[in-house]
Amino acid sequence: MALARADQTRTRVTAPAIAEQQRIPEKYLVHILLQLKRAGIVRSIRGAQGGYLLARPAEEVTLYDVVSAIDGAPLDPLPVSDPASNDLAPTWRAIAERIRRTLTKITFRDILDRTTQGEMYYI
């Protein structure tokens, strides 16, 4: 979300800045950023003025993109590991598809818009 916020002004964000803001270890964050970069979600720019940017506009990056880049597709493999539980496989597949459809519908822009709406004051 730090990169989505920065996307509005095309500002680069450094890994140390995100790590501090999110209170997570920088080494862990860099690992995540590398996975997102491999998936084409973020891009990095080297140098003194370097940092990270979204590779696509915030309205084109979905939660599914991020989840699948970091953890793989939800419920893949299915939690069916023995013949006795094979009867549940169709139900697990249906649940996985619903999760995928839901995560695909939510973009970073949607999340930013919801955040902005929460900060509005009405008189």
Protein backbone atom coordinates (compact mmCIF):
# COMPACT_ATOMS: atom_id res chain seq x y z
CA MET A 1 0.00 0.00 0.00
CA ALA A 2 2.97 2.32 0.53
CA LEU A 3 3.80 1.87 -3.14
CA ALA A 4 0.17 2.42 -4.16
CA ARG A 5 0.09 5.70 -2.22
CA ALA A 6 3.37 6.77 -3.81
CA ASP A 7 2.00 5.79 -7.24
CA GLN A 8 -0.31 8.81 -7.15
CA THR A 9 2.73 11.08 -7.46
CA ARG A 10 5.07 8.54 -9.12
CA THR A 11 7.35 8.88 -6.11
CA ARG A 12 9.94 6.17 -5.45
CA VAL A 13 9.87 4.56 -2.03
CA THR A 14 12.91 2.93 -0.47
CA ALA A 15 12.84 -0.42 1.27
CA PRO A 16 14.10 1.11 4.56
CA ALA A 17 11.29 3.68 4.48
CA ILE A 18 8.63 1.01 3.91
CA ALA A 19 10.15 -1.27 6.56
CA GLU A 20 10.10 1.54 9.11
CA GLN A 21 6.58 2.64 8.20
CA GLN A 22 5.21 -0.92 8.35
CA ARG A 23 7.39 -1.96 11.30
CA ILE A 24 8.74 -5.05 9.58
CA PRO A 25 12.34 -6.21 9.21
CA GLU A 26 13.96 -4.77 6.09
CA LYS A 27 15.46 -8.14 5.09
CA TYR A 28 11.98 -9.69 5.13
CA LEU A 29 10.55 -6.79 3.13
CA VAL A 30 13.28 -7.03 0.48
CA HIS A 31 12.38 -10.71 0.03
CA ILE A 32 8.74 -9.76 -0.54
CA LEU A 33 9.69 -6.93 -2.91
CA LEU A 34 11.80 -9.36 -4.96
CA GLN A 35 8.84 -11.71 -5.29
CA LEU A 36 6.62 -8.81 -6.36
CA LYS A 37 9.26 -7.67 -8.83
CA ARG A 38 9.49 -11.15 -10.39
CA ALA A 39 5.71 -11.13 -10.77
CA GLY A 40 5.82 -7.76 -12.55
CA ILE A 41 3.96 -5.92 -9.79
CA VAL A 42 6.79 -3.63 -8.69
CA ARG A 43 9.92 -2.32 -10.33
CA SER A 44 13.09 -1.07 -8.75
CA ILE A 45 15.32 1.83 -9.66
CA ARG A 46 18.93 1.78 -8.52
CA GLY A 47 21.05 4.65 -7.35
CA ALA A 48 20.90 7.52 -4.89
CA GLN A 49 17.45 8.54 -6.13
CA GLY A 50 16.35 4.92 -6.42
CA GLY A 51 13.63 2.97 -4.76
CA TYR A 52 10.56 0.97 -5.66
CA LEU A 53 7.49 1.83 -7.73
CA LEU A 54 4.43 -0.06 -8.83
CA ALA A 55 5.09 -1.48 -12.29
CA ARG A 56 1.44 -0.93 -13.23
CA PRO A 57 -1.11 1.68 -12.17
CA ALA A 58 -2.80 1.02 -8.81
CA GLU A 59 -6.12 0.36 -10.58
CA GLU A 60 -4.51 -2.58 -12.40
CA VAL A 61 -2.92 -4.30 -9.40
CA THR A 62 -5.29 -6.64 -7.59
CA LEU A 63 -5.04 -8.34 -4.23
CA TYR A 64 -4.99 -11.63 -6.13
CA ASP A 65 -1.85 -10.49 -7.98
CA VAL A 66 -0.06 -9.87 -4.70
CA VAL A 67 -1.31 -12.93 -2.83
CA SER A 68 -0.49 -15.29 -5.67
CA ALA A 69 2.95 -13.69 -6.19
CA ILE A 70 3.88 -14.20 -2.55
CA ASP A 71 1.98 -17.30 -1.45
CA GLY A 72 0.82 -18.90 -4.68
CA ALA A 73 -2.79 -19.34 -5.68
CA PRO A 74 -5.15 -19.64 -2.69
CA LEU A 75 -5.87 -23.24 -1.73
CA ASP A 76 -3.37 -24.60 -4.22
CA PRO A 77 -2.72 -27.37 -3.54
CA LEU A 78 -6.13 -28.23 -2.18
CA PRO A 79 -6.22 -29.35 1.45
CA VAL A 80 -7.20 -32.85 0.32
CA SER A 81 -4.41 -35.26 1.03
CA ASP A 82 -5.96 -38.71 1.22
CA PRO A 83 -8.57 -40.74 -0.65
CA ALA A 84 -11.06 -40.41 2.21
CA SER A 85 -11.16 -36.62 1.82
CA ASN A 86 -11.38 -36.62 -2.00
CA ASP A 87 -15.15 -36.13 -1.70
CA LEU A 88 -14.39 -32.62 -0.45
CA ALA A 89 -12.22 -31.69 -3.45
CA PRO A 90 -15.07 -30.17 -5.53
CA THR A 91 -16.14 -28.04 -2.57
CA TRP A 92 -12.55 -26.88 -1.95
CA ARG A 93 -12.21 -26.03 -5.67
CA ALA A 94 -15.40 -23.95 -5.51
CA ILE A 95 -14.14 -22.13 -2.42
CA ALA A 96 -10.77 -21.48 -4.09
CA GLU A 97 -12.53 -20.04 -7.14
CA ARG A 98 -14.66 -17.72 -4.98
CA ILE A 99 -11.56 -16.51 -3.17
CA ARG A 100 -9.81 -15.90 -6.51
CA ARG A 101 -12.80 -13.98 -7.93
CA THR A 102 -13.09 -11.84 -4.81
CA LEU A 103 -9.38 -11.01 -4.64
CA THR A 104 -9.32 -10.27 -8.37
CA LYS A 105 -12.09 -7.69 -7.99
CA ILE A 106 -10.22 -5.63 -5.37
CA THR A 107 -7.52 -3.32 -6.73
CA PHE A 108 -5.04 -1.18 -4.86
CA ARG A 109 -6.96 1.85 -6.15
CA ASP A 110 -10.12 0.48 -4.49
CA ILE A 111 -8.29 0.16 -1.18
CA LEU A 112 -6.85 3.67 -1.48
CA ASP A 113 -10.28 5.09 -2.31
CA ARG A 114 -11.81 3.37 0.72
CA THR A 115 -9.02 4.74 2.92
CA THR A 116 -9.56 8.25 1.56
CA GLN A 117 -13.31 8.03 2.13
CA GLY A 118 -12.68 7.16 5.76
CA GLU A 119 -10.66 10.32 6.20
CA MET A 120 -13.34 12.67 4.81
CA TYR A 121 -15.15 15.00 7.17
CA TYR A 122 -18.73 16.04 6.55
CA ILE A 123 -20.24 19.22 7.93
